[in-house]
Amino acid sequence: MATRIDRRAPGPVTVHGPLARDADGGLRIGALPVSPDAGIDVRPGGYVVASGPLSGGRMLARSVAADRLLTDLPASFGPGVGRFVVESYIGWDGGYLRPGYGLGPVAPPLQGGAAGRGVLDLRREPGRGIVATGLRNAPFATGAVGGGPEGGPRRAGRGRGGLEAVRQVPQGAGDR
């Protein structure tokens, strides 16, 4: 995950990241302590978007909400969006590629190896949800997910070249 910090005029800020409890029971996003306004329902453990002013190195959060882009990718866009290209740090989950929150494990690895940054092509398919169709620029990628002949995806088969065990995410579903 990359961070970019630019100088700006004083005022409210918006921060994206995992909301966690520190050893003292306080809330934080990364290294930033967060104090949500009274009545804001916060649940540590997920990715959030928090907005509010900074005071004394602490965010006084006026709003805290789940980061839909990371927790429910398909819901972040209208139903007319059929293709998603996600650049992410792609890790492993039970032998499957995991591009990040909201998608879960989506495809078997193409060749084993270390996790790393990559670009994953996903498509929304009626009745099937979101399916992986390609992987580029990852240290373990060899081309399209599925490794079909001519580099196109192959949607069935076993082993490292197939998508037999693709986990399909139903539309509107995310990590719950």
N, C-alpha and C. Protein backbone atom coordinates (compact mmCIF):
# COMPACT_ATOMS: atom_id res chain seq x y z
N MET A 1 0.85 -1.15 0.00
CA MET A 1 0.00 0.00 0.00
C MET A 1 0.90 1.22 0.00
N ALA A 2 0.61 2.19 -0.82
CA ALA A 2 1.41 3.40 -0.91
C ALA A 2 0.71 4.55 -0.20
N THR A 3 1.49 5.50 0.27
CA THR A 3 0.94 6.68 0.91
C THR A 3 1.57 7.89 0.27
N ARG A 4 0.75 8.91 0.03
CA ARG A 4 1.25 10.17 -0.50
C ARG A 4 0.69 11.27 0.38
N ILE A 5 1.55 12.12 0.87
CA ILE A 5 1.12 13.22 1.73
C ILE A 5 1.57 14.52 1.09
N ASP A 6 0.61 15.39 0.79
CA ASP A 6 0.89 16.69 0.21
C ASP A 6 0.50 17.78 1.21
N ARG A 7 1.19 18.92 1.16
CA ARG A 7 0.79 20.06 1.99
C ARG A 7 -0.57 20.55 1.51
N ARG A 8 -1.38 21.01 2.45
CA ARG A 8 -2.69 21.54 2.10
C ARG A 8 -3.13 22.52 3.16
N ALA A 9 -4.14 23.27 2.83
CA ALA A 9 -4.70 24.23 3.79
C ALA A 9 -5.33 23.47 4.95
N PRO A 10 -5.33 24.08 6.16
CA PRO A 10 -5.97 23.42 7.30
C PRO A 10 -7.45 23.18 7.03
N GLY A 11 -7.99 22.14 7.63
CA GLY A 11 -9.40 21.82 7.48
C GLY A 11 -9.63 20.34 7.63
N PRO A 12 -10.84 19.89 7.37
CA PRO A 12 -11.15 18.46 7.50
C PRO A 12 -10.32 17.64 6.52
N VAL A 13 -10.00 16.42 6.94
CA VAL A 13 -9.25 15.49 6.09
C VAL A 13 -10.04 14.19 5.99
N THR A 14 -9.71 13.41 4.98
CA THR A 14 -10.30 12.08 4.81
C THR A 14 -9.16 11.07 4.77
N VAL A 15 -9.32 10.00 5.54
CA VAL A 15 -8.29 8.98 5.65
C VAL A 15 -8.92 7.63 5.35
N HIS A 16 -8.22 6.82 4.55
CA HIS A 16 -8.65 5.45 4.22
C HIS A 16 -7.67 4.48 4.88
N GLY A 17 -8.18 3.40 5.45
CA GLY A 17 -7.28 2.39 5.99
C GLY A 17 -7.97 1.46 6.96
N PRO A 18 -7.21 0.49 7.48
CA PRO A 18 -7.79 -0.46 8.43
C PRO A 18 -7.97 0.20 9.80
N LEU A 19 -9.16 0.06 10.36
CA LEU A 19 -9.47 0.59 11.69
C LEU A 19 -9.14 -0.49 12.72
N ALA A 20 -8.31 -0.13 13.69
CA ALA A 20 -7.86 -1.11 14.69
C ALA A 20 -7.89 -0.48 16.08
N ARG A 21 -7.90 -1.34 17.08
CA ARG A 21 -7.77 -0.89 18.47
C ARG A 21 -6.30 -1.01 18.86
N ASP A 22 -5.82 0.00 19.58
CA ASP A 22 -4.44 -0.08 20.07
C ASP A 22 -4.42 -0.75 21.44
N ALA A 23 -3.26 -0.87 22.03
CA ALA A 23 -3.11 -1.58 23.31
C ALA A 23 -3.92 -0.92 24.43
N ASP A 24 -4.18 0.38 24.33
CA ASP A 24 -4.94 1.10 25.35
C ASP A 24 -6.44 1.09 25.08
N GLY A 25 -6.87 0.41 24.01
CA GLY A 25 -8.30 0.35 23.68
C GLY A 25 -8.76 1.48 22.78
N GLY A 26 -7.86 2.41 22.45
CA GLY A 26 -8.21 3.51 21.55
C GLY A 26 -8.27 3.02 20.11
N LEU A 27 -8.88 3.83 19.25
CA LEU A 27 -8.98 3.49 17.83
C LEU A 27 -7.90 4.20 17.04
N ARG A 28 -7.46 3.55 15.97
CA ARG A 28 -6.50 4.19 15.07
C ARG A 28 -6.63 3.63 13.67
N ILE A 29 -6.23 4.46 12.72
CA ILE A 29 -6.09 4.06 11.33
C ILE A 29 -4.61 4.22 11.04
N GLY A 30 -3.92 3.11 10.86
CA GLY A 30 -2.47 3.16 10.76
C GLY A 30 -1.91 3.71 12.06
N ALA A 31 -1.08 4.75 11.98
CA ALA A 31 -0.51 5.37 13.18
C ALA A 31 -1.35 6.54 13.68
N LEU A 32 -2.45 6.86 13.00
CA LEU A 32 -3.27 8.03 13.35
C LEU A 32 -4.34 7.67 14.38
N PRO A 33 -4.27 8.24 15.59
CA PRO A 33 -5.34 8.02 16.56
C PRO A 33 -6.64 8.65 16.05
N VAL A 34 -7.76 7.96 16.28
CA VAL A 34 -9.06 8.42 15.79
C VAL A 34 -10.05 8.45 16.95
N SER A 35 -10.73 9.59 17.10
CA SER A 35 -11.81 9.72 18.10
C SER A 35 -13.09 10.00 17.35
N PRO A 36 -13.95 8.99 17.18
CA PRO A 36 -15.21 9.22 16.47
C PRO A 36 -16.19 10.02 17.31
N ASP A 37 -17.00 10.84 16.63
CA ASP A 37 -18.07 11.57 17.31
C ASP A 37 -18.99 10.57 18.02
N ALA A 38 -19.65 11.04 19.06
CA ALA A 38 -20.62 10.20 19.79
C ALA A 38 -21.70 9.74 18.82
N GLY A 39 -22.11 8.51 18.96
CA GLY A 39 -23.18 7.97 18.12
C GLY A 39 -22.71 7.32 16.83
N ILE A 40 -21.42 7.45 16.50
CA ILE A 40 -20.91 6.80 15.30
C ILE A 40 -20.58 5.36 15.64
N ASP A 41 -21.18 4.44 14.91
CA ASP A 41 -20.97 3.01 15.12
C ASP A 41 -19.67 2.60 14.43
N VAL A 42 -18.67 2.24 15.20
CA VAL A 42 -17.39 1.83 14.63
C VAL A 42 -17.12 0.38 14.98
N ARG A 43 -16.58 -0.33 14.00
CA ARG A 43 -16.24 -1.75 14.20
C ARG A 43 -14.81 -1.97 13.73
N PRO A 44 -13.89 -2.02 14.67
CA PRO A 44 -12.50 -2.26 14.28
C PRO A 44 -12.36 -3.59 13.55
N GLY A 45 -11.35 -3.64 12.69
CA GLY A 45 -11.06 -4.87 11.98
C GLY A 45 -11.32 -4.79 10.49
N GLY A 46 -11.94 -3.74 10.02
CA GLY A 46 -12.20 -3.60 8.60
C GLY A 46 -11.62 -2.31 8.05
N TYR A 47 -11.63 -2.20 6.73
CA TYR A 47 -11.16 -0.99 6.07
C TYR A 47 -12.27 0.05 6.09
N VAL A 48 -11.90 1.30 6.44
CA VAL A 48 -12.87 2.37 6.57
C VAL A 48 -12.40 3.63 5.86
N VAL A 49 -13.35 4.55 5.68
CA VAL A 49 -13.07 5.92 5.26
C VAL A 49 -13.54 6.79 6.41
N ALA A 50 -12.64 7.57 6.98
CA ALA A 50 -12.98 8.44 8.10
C ALA A 50 -12.68 9.88 7.70
N SER A 51 -13.57 10.80 8.08
CA SER A 51 -13.40 12.21 7.74
C SER A 51 -13.61 13.06 8.99
N GLY A 52 -12.82 14.12 9.09
CA GLY A 52 -12.95 15.06 10.19
C GLY A 52 -11.69 15.87 10.33
N PRO A 53 -11.69 16.83 11.26
CA PRO A 53 -10.51 17.66 11.46
C PRO A 53 -9.45 16.93 12.30
N LEU A 54 -8.22 17.42 12.20
CA LEU A 54 -7.13 16.92 13.02
C LEU A 54 -6.90 17.91 14.15
N SER A 55 -6.65 17.40 15.34
CA SER A 55 -6.36 18.25 16.49
C SER A 55 -5.35 17.53 17.37
N GLY A 56 -4.19 18.15 17.55
CA GLY A 56 -3.17 17.54 18.39
C GLY A 56 -2.72 16.18 17.93
N GLY A 57 -2.66 15.95 16.62
CA GLY A 57 -2.21 14.67 16.08
C GLY A 57 -3.27 13.58 16.12
N ARG A 58 -4.52 13.95 16.39
CA ARG A 58 -5.62 12.99 16.48
C ARG A 58 -6.73 13.43 15.53
N MET A 59 -7.36 12.45 14.86
CA MET A 59 -8.50 12.77 14.01
C MET A 59 -9.76 12.78 14.87
N LEU A 60 -10.53 13.85 14.77
CA LEU A 60 -11.83 13.94 15.42
C LEU A 60 -12.85 13.58 14.34
N ALA A 61 -13.11 12.30 14.21
CA ALA A 61 -13.89 11.78 13.08
C ALA A 61 -15.36 12.18 13.19
N ARG A 62 -15.82 12.91 12.18
CA ARG A 62 -17.24 13.29 12.07
C ARG A 62 -18.03 12.19 11.36
N SER A 63 -17.30 11.38 10.56
CA SER A 63 -17.94 10.24 9.89
C SER A 63 -16.92 9.11 9.76
N VAL A 64 -17.41 7.89 9.91
CA VAL A 64 -16.61 6.68 9.72
C VAL A 64 -17.52 5.68 9.02
N ALA A 65 -17.10 5.21 7.85
CA ALA A 65 -17.92 4.26 7.08
C ALA A 65 -17.01 3.21 6.46
N ALA A 66 -17.58 2.05 6.18
CA ALA A 66 -16.82 1.00 5.49
C ALA A 66 -16.32 1.54 4.15
N ASP A 67 -15.10 1.21 3.79
CA ASP A 67 -14.55 1.60 2.49
C ASP A 67 -15.08 0.62 1.45
N ARG A 68 -16.13 1.01 0.76
CA ARG A 68 -16.80 0.10 -0.17
C ARG A 68 -15.89 -0.38 -1.29
N LEU A 69 -14.95 0.46 -1.69
CA LEU A 69 -14.05 0.03 -2.75
C LEU A 69 -13.24 -1.19 -2.32
N LEU A 70 -12.91 -1.27 -1.05
CA LEU A 70 -12.13 -2.41 -0.55
C LEU A 70 -12.98 -3.51 0.05
N THR A 71 -14.21 -3.21 0.45
CA THR A 71 -15.03 -4.23 1.10
C THR A 71 -16.10 -4.80 0.18
N ASP A 72 -16.46 -4.07 -0.89
CA ASP A 72 -17.50 -4.56 -1.80
C ASP A 72 -17.32 -3.89 -3.16
N LEU A 73 -16.28 -4.31 -3.87
CA LEU A 73 -15.92 -3.70 -5.15
C LEU A 73 -17.09 -3.57 -6.12
N PRO A 74 -17.87 -4.63 -6.39
CA PRO A 74 -18.95 -4.50 -7.37
C PRO A 74 -19.99 -3.45 -6.98
N ALA A 75 -20.26 -3.30 -5.69
CA ALA A 75 -21.26 -2.32 -5.24
C ALA A 75 -20.75 -0.89 -5.37
N SER A 76 -19.44 -0.71 -5.53
CA SER A 76 -18.88 0.63 -5.66
C SER A 76 -19.16 1.24 -7.02
N PHE A 77 -19.62 0.43 -7.95
CA PHE A 77 -19.89 0.88 -9.31
C PHE A 77 -21.28 0.44 -9.71
N GLY A 78 -21.87 1.11 -10.66
CA GLY A 78 -23.20 0.73 -11.12
C GLY A 78 -23.21 -0.62 -11.81
N PRO A 79 -24.41 -1.17 -12.00
CA PRO A 79 -24.52 -2.49 -12.63
C PRO A 79 -24.06 -2.50 -14.08
N GLY A 80 -23.92 -1.33 -14.70
CA GLY A 80 -23.46 -1.26 -16.08
C GLY A 80 -21.96 -1.47 -16.23
N VAL A 81 -21.23 -1.45 -15.13
CA VAL A 81 -19.79 -1.67 -15.18
C VAL A 81 -19.54 -3.16 -15.15
N GLY A 82 -18.95 -3.68 -16.22
CA GLY A 82 -18.76 -5.12 -16.33
C GLY A 82 -17.33 -5.57 -16.19
N ARG A 83 -16.35 -4.64 -16.26
CA ARG A 83 -14.95 -5.02 -16.18
C ARG A 83 -14.27 -4.18 -15.11
N PHE A 84 -13.46 -4.84 -14.32
CA PHE A 84 -12.70 -4.17 -13.27
C PHE A 84 -11.23 -4.51 -13.46
N VAL A 85 -10.37 -3.54 -13.36
CA VAL A 85 -8.93 -3.76 -13.42
C VAL A 85 -8.39 -3.27 -12.07
N VAL A 86 -7.84 -4.19 -11.30
CA VAL A 86 -7.42 -3.88 -9.95
C VAL A 86 -5.91 -4.07 -9.84
N GLU A 87 -5.21 -2.98 -9.51
CA GLU A 87 -3.78 -3.10 -9.21
C GLU A 87 -3.68 -3.17 -7.70
N SER A 88 -3.02 -4.20 -7.22
CA SER A 88 -3.02 -4.45 -5.79
C SER A 88 -1.80 -5.28 -5.42
N TYR A 89 -1.53 -5.33 -4.14
CA TYR A 89 -0.57 -6.29 -3.62
C TYR A 89 -1.33 -7.59 -3.51
N ILE A 90 -0.97 -8.56 -4.32
CA ILE A 90 -1.71 -9.81 -4.40
C ILE A 90 -1.00 -10.85 -3.54
N GLY A 91 -1.74 -11.35 -2.57
CA GLY A 91 -1.19 -12.34 -1.66
C GLY A 91 -1.80 -13.70 -1.91
N TRP A 92 -1.67 -14.57 -0.94
CA TRP A 92 -2.15 -15.94 -1.07
C TRP A 92 -3.11 -16.23 0.07
N ASP A 93 -4.11 -17.02 -0.21
CA ASP A 93 -5.08 -17.43 0.81
C ASP A 93 -5.46 -18.87 0.50
N GLY A 94 -4.93 -19.81 1.23
CA GLY A 94 -5.24 -21.22 1.01
C GLY A 94 -4.86 -21.70 -0.38
N GLY A 95 -3.78 -21.18 -0.95
CA GLY A 95 -3.34 -21.61 -2.27
C GLY A 95 -4.01 -20.85 -3.41
N TYR A 96 -4.77 -19.80 -3.10
CA TYR A 96 -5.45 -19.01 -4.13
C TYR A 96 -4.96 -17.57 -4.07
N LEU A 97 -5.00 -16.89 -5.22
CA LEU A 97 -4.65 -15.48 -5.26
C LEU A 97 -5.68 -14.69 -4.47
N ARG A 98 -5.22 -13.71 -3.69
CA ARG A 98 -6.13 -12.84 -2.97
C ARG A 98 -5.70 -11.41 -3.26
N PRO A 99 -6.49 -10.68 -4.08
CA PRO A 99 -6.10 -9.34 -4.47
C PRO A 99 -6.38 -8.27 -3.43
N GLY A 100 -7.09 -8.56 -2.41
CA GLY A 100 -7.38 -7.56 -1.40
C GLY A 100 -8.76 -7.76 -0.83
N TYR A 101 -9.13 -6.87 0.02
CA TYR A 101 -10.43 -6.97 0.69
C TYR A 101 -11.56 -6.80 -0.30
N GLY A 102 -12.67 -7.46 -0.05
CA GLY A 102 -13.85 -7.33 -0.88
C GLY A 102 -13.96 -8.37 -1.96
N LEU A 103 -12.87 -9.02 -2.31
CA LEU A 103 -12.93 -10.01 -3.37
C LEU A 103 -12.62 -11.41 -2.87
N GLY A 104 -11.85 -11.53 -1.84
CA GLY A 104 -11.51 -12.85 -1.34
C GLY A 104 -10.61 -13.57 -2.34
N PRO A 105 -10.34 -14.84 -2.09
CA PRO A 105 -9.50 -15.60 -3.02
C PRO A 105 -10.23 -15.80 -4.34
N VAL A 106 -9.57 -15.49 -5.46
CA VAL A 106 -10.27 -15.53 -6.74
C VAL A 106 -9.76 -16.55 -7.74
N ALA A 107 -8.53 -17.01 -7.63
CA ALA A 107 -8.03 -17.94 -8.64
C ALA A 107 -6.84 -18.70 -8.10
N PRO A 108 -6.64 -19.92 -8.59
CA PRO A 108 -5.45 -20.65 -8.18
C PRO A 108 -4.20 -19.96 -8.73
N PRO A 109 -3.06 -20.10 -8.06
CA PRO A 109 -1.85 -19.46 -8.55
C PRO A 109 -1.43 -20.04 -9.89
N LEU A 110 -0.77 -19.20 -10.67
CA LEU A 110 -0.30 -19.66 -11.98
C LEU A 110 0.98 -20.48 -11.84
N GLN A 111 1.85 -20.08 -10.96
CA GLN A 111 3.08 -20.81 -10.70
C GLN A 111 3.48 -20.68 -9.26
N GLY A 112 2.95 -20.76 -8.27
CA GLY A 112 3.52 -20.57 -6.94
C GLY A 112 4.40 -19.34 -6.86
N GLY A 113 5.13 -19.20 -5.82
CA GLY A 113 6.05 -18.10 -5.68
C GLY A 113 5.58 -17.08 -4.66
N ALA A 114 6.38 -16.05 -4.54
CA ALA A 114 6.10 -15.02 -3.54
C ALA A 114 4.96 -14.11 -3.98
N ALA A 115 4.27 -13.57 -3.00
CA ALA A 115 3.23 -12.59 -3.28
C ALA A 115 3.89 -11.30 -3.75
N GLY A 116 3.13 -10.46 -4.41
CA GLY A 116 3.67 -9.19 -4.89
C GLY A 116 2.62 -8.37 -5.60
N ARG A 117 3.05 -7.21 -6.07
CA ARG A 117 2.15 -6.31 -6.77
C ARG A 117 1.79 -6.88 -8.12
N GLY A 118 0.53 -6.72 -8.50
CA GLY A 118 0.08 -7.21 -9.80
C GLY A 118 -1.20 -6.51 -10.23
N VAL A 119 -1.59 -6.73 -11.47
CA VAL A 119 -2.81 -6.16 -12.03
C VAL A 119 -3.73 -7.32 -12.38
N LEU A 120 -4.89 -7.34 -11.78
CA LEU A 120 -5.85 -8.42 -11.96
C LEU A 120 -7.03 -7.92 -12.78
N ASP A 121 -7.37 -8.64 -13.84
CA ASP A 121 -8.55 -8.34 -14.65
C ASP A 121 -9.72 -9.16 -14.12
N LEU A 122 -10.84 -8.50 -13.88
CA LEU A 122 -12.05 -9.16 -13.38
C LEU A 122 -13.22 -8.78 -14.26
N ARG A 123 -14.17 -9.67 -14.40
CA ARG A 123 -15.39 -9.39 -15.17
C ARG A 123 -16.60 -9.77 -14.34
N ARG A 124 -17.65 -8.97 -14.51
CA ARG A 124 -18.94 -9.29 -13.90
C ARG A 124 -19.70 -10.12 -14.91
N GLU A 125 -20.06 -11.34 -14.53
CA GLU A 125 -20.78 -12.22 -15.44
C GLU A 125 -22.14 -12.55 -14.85
N PRO A 126 -23.21 -12.36 -15.64
CA PRO A 126 -24.56 -12.62 -15.14
C PRO A 126 -24.68 -14.03 -14.56
N GLY A 127 -25.23 -14.10 -13.37
CA GLY A 127 -25.44 -15.38 -12.72
C GLY A 127 -24.19 -15.98 -12.08
N ARG A 128 -23.02 -15.38 -12.34
CA ARG A 128 -21.77 -15.92 -11.79
C ARG A 128 -21.07 -14.94 -10.87
N GLY A 129 -21.44 -13.68 -10.92
CA GLY A 129 -20.75 -12.69 -10.10
C GLY A 129 -19.47 -12.22 -10.75
N ILE A 130 -18.44 -11.98 -9.94
CA ILE A 130 -17.16 -11.48 -10.41
C ILE A 130 -16.21 -12.66 -10.60
N VAL A 131 -15.61 -12.77 -11.79
CA VAL A 131 -14.66 -13.84 -12.06
C VAL A 131 -13.34 -13.23 -12.56
N ALA A 132 -12.24 -13.87 -12.20
CA ALA A 132 -10.92 -13.43 -12.65
C ALA A 132 -10.70 -13.90 -14.08
N THR A 133 -10.20 -12.99 -14.93
CA THR A 133 -9.93 -13.35 -16.32
C THR A 133 -8.49 -13.10 -16.75
N GLY A 134 -7.70 -12.41 -15.94
CA GLY A 134 -6.33 -12.17 -16.32
C GLY A 134 -5.50 -11.64 -15.17
N LEU A 135 -4.20 -11.82 -15.26
CA LEU A 135 -3.27 -11.34 -14.25
C LEU A 135 -2.01 -10.88 -14.96
N ARG A 136 -1.59 -9.65 -14.68
CA ARG A 136 -0.40 -9.09 -15.33
C ARG A 136 0.53 -8.49 -14.28
N ASN A 137 1.78 -8.42 -14.62
CA ASN A 137 2.79 -7.70 -13.85
C ASN A 137 3.00 -8.20 -12.43
N ALA A 138 2.56 -9.40 -12.11
CA ALA A 138 2.84 -9.97 -10.80
C ALA A 138 4.10 -10.82 -10.94
N PRO A 139 4.89 -10.94 -9.87
CA PRO A 139 6.14 -11.70 -10.00
C PRO A 139 5.92 -13.16 -10.38
N PHE A 140 4.71 -13.67 -10.17
CA PHE A 140 4.41 -15.07 -10.47
C PHE A 140 3.51 -15.21 -11.69
N ALA A 141 3.15 -14.11 -12.36
CA ALA A 141 2.21 -14.16 -13.49
C ALA A 141 2.91 -14.61 -14.77
N THR A 142 2.19 -15.36 -15.59
CA THR A 142 2.72 -15.76 -16.89
C THR A 142 1.81 -15.31 -18.01
N GLY A 143 0.77 -14.56 -17.71
CA GLY A 143 -0.19 -14.13 -18.74
C GLY A 143 -1.58 -14.16 -18.17
N ALA A 144 -2.53 -14.49 -19.00
CA ALA A 144 -3.92 -14.50 -18.56
C ALA A 144 -4.15 -15.60 -17.54
N VAL A 145 -5.01 -15.32 -16.58
CA VAL A 145 -5.40 -16.36 -15.65
C VAL A 145 -6.05 -17.44 -16.47
N GLY A 146 -5.67 -18.64 -16.26
CA GLY A 146 -6.23 -19.73 -17.04
C GLY A 146 -5.25 -20.20 -18.10
N GLY A 147 -4.37 -19.33 -18.54
CA GLY A 147 -3.30 -19.73 -19.43
C GLY A 147 -3.73 -20.45 -20.68
N GLY A 148 -4.82 -19.98 -21.31
CA GLY A 148 -5.28 -20.62 -22.53
C GLY A 148 -4.26 -20.49 -23.64
N PRO A 149 -4.44 -21.22 -24.74
CA PRO A 149 -3.47 -21.18 -25.82
C PRO A 149 -3.39 -19.78 -26.41
N GLU A 150 -2.76 -19.08 -27.02
CA GLU A 150 -2.78 -17.70 -27.49
C GLU A 150 -2.92 -16.67 -26.37
N GLY A 151 -2.71 -17.05 -25.11
CA GLY A 151 -2.73 -16.09 -24.01
C GLY A 151 -4.09 -15.72 -23.49
N GLY A 152 -5.15 -16.20 -24.09
CA GLY A 152 -6.48 -15.87 -23.59
C GLY A 152 -6.86 -16.73 -22.41
N PRO A 153 -7.87 -16.31 -21.67
CA PRO A 153 -8.24 -17.09 -20.50
C PRO A 153 -8.91 -18.40 -20.87
N ARG A 154 -8.66 -19.41 -20.08
CA ARG A 154 -9.34 -20.68 -20.21
C ARG A 154 -10.19 -20.81 -18.97
N ARG A 155 -11.49 -21.07 -19.11
CA ARG A 155 -12.39 -21.01 -17.98
C ARG A 155 -12.60 -22.34 -17.28
N ALA A 156 -11.98 -23.39 -17.71
CA ALA A 156 -12.17 -24.67 -17.03
C ALA A 156 -10.86 -25.42 -17.03
N GLY A 157 -10.78 -26.43 -16.23
CA GLY A 157 -9.59 -27.25 -16.20
C GLY A 157 -9.01 -27.32 -14.81
N ARG A 158 -8.08 -28.22 -14.64
CA ARG A 158 -7.45 -28.42 -13.34
C ARG A 158 -6.00 -27.96 -13.40
N GLY A 159 -5.45 -27.79 -12.23
CA GLY A 159 -4.03 -27.50 -12.13
C GLY A 159 -3.74 -26.02 -12.23
N ARG A 160 -2.46 -25.72 -12.40
CA ARG A 160 -2.03 -24.33 -12.36
C ARG A 160 -2.58 -23.53 -13.52
N GLY A 161 -2.94 -24.14 -14.62
CA GLY A 161 -3.39 -23.37 -15.78
C GLY A 161 -4.87 -23.13 -15.82
N GLY A 162 -5.67 -23.74 -14.96
CA GLY A 162 -7.12 -23.61 -15.07
C GLY A 162 -7.74 -22.76 -14.01
N LEU A 163 -9.00 -22.48 -14.17
CA LEU A 163 -9.75 -21.70 -13.20
C LEU A 163 -10.79 -22.56 -12.52
N GLU A 164 -10.50 -23.84 -12.38
CA GLU A 164 -11.49 -24.76 -11.82
C GLU A 164 -12.02 -24.28 -10.49
N ALA A 165 -11.18 -23.72 -9.66
CA ALA A 165 -11.60 -23.38 -8.30
C ALA A 165 -11.78 -21.88 -8.11
N VAL A 166 -12.12 -21.15 -9.14
CA VAL A 166 -12.32 -19.71 -8.99
C VAL A 166 -13.45 -19.46 -8.00
N ARG A 167 -13.18 -18.65 -7.03
CA ARG A 167 -14.24 -18.28 -6.09
C ARG A 167 -15.00 -17.14 -6.73
N GLN A 168 -16.27 -17.29 -6.90
CA GLN A 168 -17.08 -16.25 -7.51
C GLN A 168 -17.74 -15.45 -6.41
N VAL A 169 -17.65 -14.13 -6.53
CA VAL A 169 -18.25 -13.25 -5.55
C VAL A 169 -19.59 -12.81 -6.09
N PRO A 170 -20.71 -13.16 -5.45
CA PRO A 170 -22.01 -12.73 -5.94
C PRO A 170 -22.09 -11.21 -5.96
N GLN A 171 -22.82 -10.67 -6.89
CA GLN A 171 -22.97 -9.23 -6.99
C GLN A 171 -23.50 -8.68 -5.68
N GLY A 172 -22.87 -7.59 -5.22
CA GLY A 172 -23.31 -6.95 -4.00
C GLY A 172 -22.79 -7.60 -2.74
N ALA A 173 -22.05 -8.68 -2.87
CA ALA A 173 -21.54 -9.34 -1.66
C ALA A 173 -20.11 -8.90 -1.41
N GLY A 174 -19.74 -8.77 -0.20
CA GLY A 174 -18.38 -8.44 0.16
C GLY A 174 -18.00 -9.20 1.39
N ASP A 175 -16.87 -8.84 1.96
CA ASP A 175 -16.48 -9.49 3.21
C ASP A 175 -17.49 -9.09 4.27
N ARG A 176 -18.04 -10.04 4.94
CA ARG A 176 -19.02 -9.75 5.98
C ARG A 176 -18.53 -10.27 7.30
